[in-house]
């Protein structure tokens, strides 16, 4: 009887431990990013020299139990974890000046997240985009370490603030003249829009999507093209 009671207790404790993402995860991510990110640039040399905080966060992410029944927690967890993995892998190989110099960074290198092996592309495409196919704003929060990406923010995405954070990041990017380059009858936009065309065109044309967030709407008949993606590292040093 005592053995059964002990077994039941252990199972119960295990279930409680895996019940949800602990609030401390988001708090610690916030502390880490505030210390590491400045104006959208990451201090990779500092992370490389002092990796423990980031390693601890990824250990927490590895065993977290994330449920689609808590959508804001689900989204915030995976956005943060994606960005942390990118910082981890860049710092492991630092100094480099381009994330593409790491073979298989996005599609081959695996890491355990929420108890399962996955890749960065797996988080983006098989988890976030697949689960929430209408949420195009992910593309303004997931940061690939290239300067062509919208900048990483120096705070954690949290379940309570997620909607405002996604909205702010999207509005900031789409109103940035370096990201959306309007000139006369033409507008040049990021390759992100070409790579993930289905996410944006479900709202109509590219212009239709952009005008949801533009403070000054673009004219519907502008010629749309894509400028080359800047893969130079978003390094603060």
Foldseek 3Di string as FASTA:
>chain_A
DVVVVVVVVVVVVLCVLQVAQDPVLQVLLLVVLLVADDPLFGALQVCLVPVPSLVVSLVSQQAHAHDVVLVLRQVLSLLSNLQSLLSVVPSVVPPDFFSVVPPCQAHPDWDHGNNDIDGSCCSVPVNVCVVPVQPPLSQLRRDNQFPLHNGHDSHGRDSVCNVVVSLVSLLVQLADCVAWPDDDLAIEHACVCVVPVVNQCVCPHVQSSSQVRYPDRDDPRRHYHYDDGGRTGSHPD
